[in-house]
Amino acid sequence: MTDATDPIARYLAPAQVAELLCIEVDEVVALVMEGRLRGARLGLPARWRIEEASLAEYLEGQTEEARLIALWNEADAASFPELWGGRRTRP
């Protein structure tokens, strides 16, 4: 990916991004339209291009989201008394 000090942004074709993310090209364009990836229509004829730095940020966000979900699931599993030997109430 690019260095933050690089003055020239690098762009990838939606097909390249789709291959990296293992998704369809239409899904890449949808991520751009949703604002989750930064992209622009460049050239003549205009074609979608996705900023490489945006892809890196997206992947970092996805990684953090997966980490938080894993922590949540771990905490949720630990909240069951039968797992950690909680007290039983007597009738």
N, C-alpha and C. Protein backbone atom coordinates (compact mmCIF):
# COMPACT_ATOMS: atom_id res chain seq x y z
N MET A 1 0.84 -1.17 0.00
CA MET A 1 0.00 0.00 0.00
C MET A 1 0.89 1.24 0.00
N THR A 2 0.29 2.41 -0.03
CA THR A 2 1.07 3.63 -0.16
C THR A 2 1.48 4.17 1.19
N ASP A 3 2.52 4.97 1.18
CA ASP A 3 3.00 5.67 2.36
C ASP A 3 2.19 6.94 2.51
N ALA A 4 1.87 7.33 3.75
CA ALA A 4 1.07 8.53 3.98
C ALA A 4 1.77 9.79 3.48
N THR A 5 3.09 9.76 3.35
CA THR A 5 3.83 10.92 2.88
C THR A 5 3.91 10.97 1.36
N ASP A 6 3.44 9.95 0.68
CA ASP A 6 3.46 9.89 -0.78
C ASP A 6 2.50 10.94 -1.33
N PRO A 7 2.99 11.95 -2.08
CA PRO A 7 2.11 13.02 -2.57
C PRO A 7 1.17 12.57 -3.69
N ILE A 8 1.47 11.46 -4.34
CA ILE A 8 0.65 10.99 -5.45
C ILE A 8 -0.17 9.78 -4.99
N ALA A 9 -1.48 9.96 -5.00
CA ALA A 9 -2.36 8.86 -4.62
C ALA A 9 -2.33 7.80 -5.71
N ARG A 10 -2.36 6.56 -5.31
CA ARG A 10 -2.39 5.46 -6.26
C ARG A 10 -3.81 4.89 -6.29
N TYR A 11 -4.23 4.51 -7.46
CA TYR A 11 -5.59 4.04 -7.65
C TYR A 11 -5.60 2.62 -8.22
N LEU A 12 -6.62 1.87 -7.80
CA LEU A 12 -6.80 0.50 -8.27
C LEU A 12 -8.13 0.39 -9.00
N ALA A 13 -8.17 -0.49 -9.96
CA ALA A 13 -9.42 -0.78 -10.66
C ALA A 13 -10.32 -1.60 -9.73
N PRO A 14 -11.63 -1.46 -9.87
CA PRO A 14 -12.54 -2.24 -9.03
C PRO A 14 -12.28 -3.75 -9.10
N ALA A 15 -11.88 -4.24 -10.25
CA ALA A 15 -11.59 -5.67 -10.39
C ALA A 15 -10.41 -6.08 -9.51
N GLN A 16 -9.40 -5.19 -9.40
CA GLN A 16 -8.26 -5.49 -8.54
C GLN A 16 -8.68 -5.53 -7.08
N VAL A 17 -9.48 -4.56 -6.68
CA VAL A 17 -9.96 -4.50 -5.30
C VAL A 17 -10.84 -5.71 -5.01
N ALA A 18 -11.71 -6.05 -5.95
CA ALA A 18 -12.60 -7.21 -5.78
C ALA A 18 -11.78 -8.48 -5.58
N GLU A 19 -10.72 -8.63 -6.34
CA GLU A 19 -9.87 -9.81 -6.21
C GLU A 19 -9.19 -9.85 -4.84
N LEU A 20 -8.70 -8.70 -4.38
CA LEU A 20 -8.04 -8.64 -3.07
C LEU A 20 -8.99 -8.96 -1.93
N LEU A 21 -10.25 -8.50 -2.06
CA LEU A 21 -11.23 -8.69 -1.00
C LEU A 21 -12.07 -9.96 -1.17
N CYS A 22 -11.88 -10.65 -2.29
CA CYS A 22 -12.67 -11.87 -2.61
C CYS A 22 -14.16 -11.57 -2.64
N ILE A 23 -14.51 -10.48 -3.32
CA ILE A 23 -15.90 -10.11 -3.50
C ILE A 23 -16.11 -9.78 -4.97
N GLU A 24 -17.34 -9.48 -5.35
CA GLU A 24 -17.68 -9.12 -6.73
C GLU A 24 -17.38 -7.65 -7.00
N VAL A 25 -17.17 -7.31 -8.25
CA VAL A 25 -16.89 -5.93 -8.64
C VAL A 25 -18.05 -5.01 -8.24
N ASP A 26 -19.28 -5.47 -8.42
CA ASP A 26 -20.45 -4.67 -8.04
C ASP A 26 -20.43 -4.33 -6.56
N GLU A 27 -19.93 -5.24 -5.74
CA GLU A 27 -19.84 -4.99 -4.30
C GLU A 27 -18.80 -3.91 -4.00
N VAL A 28 -17.73 -3.89 -4.78
CA VAL A 28 -16.70 -2.84 -4.61
C VAL A 28 -17.30 -1.48 -4.93
N VAL A 29 -18.02 -1.39 -6.04
CA VAL A 29 -18.66 -0.13 -6.41
C VAL A 29 -19.67 0.27 -5.34
N ALA A 30 -20.40 -0.69 -4.78
CA ALA A 30 -21.36 -0.38 -3.71
C ALA A 30 -20.64 0.17 -2.48
N LEU A 31 -19.46 -0.38 -2.15
CA LEU A 31 -18.68 0.14 -1.01
C LEU A 31 -18.26 1.59 -1.27
N VAL A 32 -17.93 1.92 -2.51
CA VAL A 32 -17.59 3.30 -2.86
C VAL A 32 -18.82 4.19 -2.71
N MET A 33 -19.95 3.74 -3.23
CA MET A 33 -21.18 4.52 -3.16
C MET A 33 -21.63 4.75 -1.72
N GLU A 34 -21.37 3.77 -0.84
CA GLU A 34 -21.71 3.89 0.58
C GLU A 34 -20.71 4.76 1.34
N GLY A 35 -19.60 5.09 0.71
CA GLY A 35 -18.58 5.90 1.37
C GLY A 35 -17.60 5.11 2.21
N ARG A 36 -17.64 3.78 2.11
CA ARG A 36 -16.73 2.95 2.90
C ARG A 36 -15.37 2.83 2.23
N LEU A 37 -15.31 3.06 0.92
CA LEU A 37 -14.06 3.16 0.16
C LEU A 37 -14.10 4.49 -0.59
N ARG A 38 -12.93 5.13 -0.71
CA ARG A 38 -12.85 6.36 -1.49
C ARG A 38 -12.52 6.01 -2.94
N GLY A 39 -13.34 6.50 -3.84
CA GLY A 39 -13.11 6.23 -5.24
C GLY A 39 -13.58 7.39 -6.08
N ALA A 40 -13.22 7.35 -7.34
CA ALA A 40 -13.61 8.39 -8.27
C ALA A 40 -13.70 7.79 -9.66
N ARG A 41 -14.45 8.45 -10.51
CA ARG A 41 -14.52 8.04 -11.91
C ARG A 41 -13.47 8.85 -12.65
N LEU A 42 -12.46 8.19 -13.15
CA LEU A 42 -11.33 8.84 -13.79
C LEU A 42 -11.20 8.39 -15.24
N GLY A 43 -10.59 9.26 -16.06
CA GLY A 43 -10.28 8.90 -17.44
C GLY A 43 -11.43 9.11 -18.40
N LEU A 44 -11.13 8.84 -19.66
CA LEU A 44 -12.14 8.89 -20.71
C LEU A 44 -12.09 7.58 -21.47
N PRO A 45 -13.09 6.78 -21.51
CA PRO A 45 -14.33 6.97 -20.77
C PRO A 45 -14.09 6.82 -19.26
N ALA A 46 -14.93 7.49 -18.49
CA ALA A 46 -14.79 7.48 -17.03
C ALA A 46 -14.98 6.07 -16.48
N ARG A 47 -14.02 5.64 -15.68
CA ARG A 47 -14.08 4.32 -15.02
C ARG A 47 -13.77 4.50 -13.55
N TRP A 48 -14.40 3.67 -12.75
CA TRP A 48 -14.16 3.74 -11.31
C TRP A 48 -12.72 3.36 -10.99
N ARG A 49 -12.14 4.13 -10.08
CA ARG A 49 -10.83 3.82 -9.52
C ARG A 49 -10.92 4.04 -8.02
N ILE A 50 -10.31 3.15 -7.26
CA ILE A 50 -10.36 3.20 -5.80
C ILE A 50 -8.99 3.57 -5.28
N GLU A 51 -8.97 4.54 -4.38
CA GLU A 51 -7.73 5.00 -3.79
C GLU A 51 -7.12 3.87 -2.94
N GLU A 52 -5.86 3.56 -3.20
CA GLU A 52 -5.20 2.45 -2.52
C GLU A 52 -5.15 2.67 -1.01
N ALA A 53 -4.92 3.89 -0.56
CA ALA A 53 -4.89 4.18 0.88
C ALA A 53 -6.25 3.92 1.51
N SER A 54 -7.32 4.17 0.76
CA SER A 54 -8.67 3.91 1.24
C SER A 54 -8.88 2.42 1.49
N LEU A 55 -8.33 1.60 0.62
CA LEU A 55 -8.44 0.15 0.78
C LEU A 55 -7.73 -0.29 2.06
N ALA A 56 -6.55 0.27 2.32
CA ALA A 56 -5.82 -0.06 3.55
C ALA A 56 -6.63 0.33 4.78
N GLU A 57 -7.24 1.50 4.76
CA GLU A 57 -8.07 1.95 5.89
C GLU A 57 -9.28 1.05 6.06
N TYR A 58 -9.89 0.66 4.97
CA TYR A 58 -11.05 -0.23 5.02
C TYR A 58 -10.68 -1.56 5.66
N LEU A 59 -9.54 -2.13 5.24
CA LEU A 59 -9.10 -3.40 5.80
C LEU A 59 -8.77 -3.28 7.28
N GLU A 60 -8.16 -2.18 7.69
CA GLU A 60 -7.89 -1.95 9.12
C GLU A 60 -9.19 -1.89 9.91
N GLY A 61 -10.18 -1.20 9.35
CA GLY A 61 -11.49 -1.12 10.01
C GLY A 61 -12.16 -2.47 10.12
N GLN A 62 -12.08 -3.27 9.07
CA GLN A 62 -12.67 -4.60 9.09
C GLN A 62 -11.97 -5.49 10.12
N THR A 63 -10.65 -5.36 10.21
CA THR A 63 -9.88 -6.13 11.19
C THR A 63 -10.29 -5.75 12.60
N GLU A 64 -10.42 -4.46 12.85
CA GLU A 64 -10.83 -4.00 14.18
C GLU A 64 -12.25 -4.45 14.52
N GLU A 65 -13.14 -4.40 13.54
CA GLU A 65 -14.50 -4.86 13.75
C GLU A 65 -14.53 -6.35 14.10
N ALA A 66 -13.75 -7.15 13.40
CA ALA A 66 -13.69 -8.59 13.68
C ALA A 66 -13.12 -8.84 15.07
N ARG A 67 -12.12 -8.04 15.48
CA ARG A 67 -11.53 -8.18 16.81
C ARG A 67 -12.56 -7.87 17.89
N LEU A 68 -13.33 -6.80 17.69
CA LEU A 68 -14.35 -6.43 18.67
C LEU A 68 -15.46 -7.48 18.76
N ILE A 69 -15.85 -8.03 17.61
CA ILE A 69 -16.88 -9.08 17.62
C ILE A 69 -16.37 -10.31 18.38
N ALA A 70 -15.10 -10.68 18.15
CA ALA A 70 -14.52 -11.83 18.85
C ALA A 70 -14.49 -11.57 20.35
N LEU A 71 -14.12 -10.37 20.76
CA LEU A 71 -14.11 -10.04 22.19
C LEU A 71 -15.52 -10.08 22.77
N TRP A 72 -16.49 -9.57 22.03
CA TRP A 72 -17.87 -9.59 22.49
C TRP A 72 -18.35 -11.04 22.66
N ASN A 73 -18.07 -11.88 21.67
CA ASN A 73 -18.48 -13.29 21.76
C ASN A 73 -17.80 -14.00 22.93
N GLU A 74 -16.54 -13.67 23.15
CA GLU A 74 -15.81 -14.27 24.28
C GLU A 74 -16.43 -13.83 25.60
N ALA A 75 -16.75 -12.56 25.73
CA ALA A 75 -17.37 -12.06 26.95
C ALA A 75 -18.76 -12.63 27.13
N ASP A 76 -19.50 -12.76 26.04
CA ASP A 76 -20.85 -13.31 26.10
C ASP A 76 -20.81 -14.76 26.55
N ALA A 77 -19.86 -15.54 26.04
CA ALA A 77 -19.73 -16.95 26.45
C ALA A 77 -19.35 -17.05 27.91
N ALA A 78 -18.52 -16.14 28.40
CA ALA A 78 -18.08 -16.17 29.79
C ALA A 78 -19.17 -15.76 30.75
N SER A 79 -20.26 -15.19 30.26
CA SER A 79 -21.32 -14.73 31.15
C SER A 79 -22.28 -15.84 31.56
N PHE A 80 -22.12 -17.03 31.00
CA PHE A 80 -22.98 -18.14 31.38
C PHE A 80 -22.47 -18.77 32.67
N PRO A 81 -23.29 -18.81 33.72
CA PRO A 81 -22.85 -19.36 35.00
C PRO A 81 -22.38 -20.81 34.92
N GLU A 82 -22.99 -21.61 34.04
CA GLU A 82 -22.58 -23.00 33.95
C GLU A 82 -21.16 -23.13 33.41
N LEU A 83 -20.67 -22.11 32.77
CA LEU A 83 -19.29 -22.14 32.28
C LEU A 83 -18.28 -21.76 33.35
N TRP A 84 -18.64 -20.83 34.23
CA TRP A 84 -17.68 -20.39 35.23
C TRP A 84 -18.04 -20.78 36.65
N GLY A 85 -19.02 -21.67 36.78
CA GLY A 85 -19.34 -22.25 38.09
C GLY A 85 -20.04 -21.30 39.03
N GLY A 86 -21.05 -20.62 38.55
CA GLY A 86 -21.79 -19.67 39.38
C GLY A 86 -22.61 -20.38 40.46
N ARG A 87 -23.07 -19.59 41.41
CA ARG A 87 -23.87 -20.14 42.53
C ARG A 87 -25.26 -20.51 42.06
N ARG A 88 -25.77 -21.57 42.65
CA ARG A 88 -27.14 -21.96 42.38
C ARG A 88 -28.02 -21.43 43.50
N THR A 89 -29.20 -21.01 43.13
CA THR A 89 -30.14 -20.55 44.15
C THR A 89 -30.96 -21.75 44.62
N ARG A 90 -31.23 -21.78 45.92
CA ARG A 90 -32.02 -22.91 46.46
C ARG A 90 -33.49 -22.55 46.46
N PRO A 91 -34.34 -23.53 46.12
CA PRO A 91 -35.79 -23.26 46.10
C PRO A 91 -36.37 -23.07 47.47
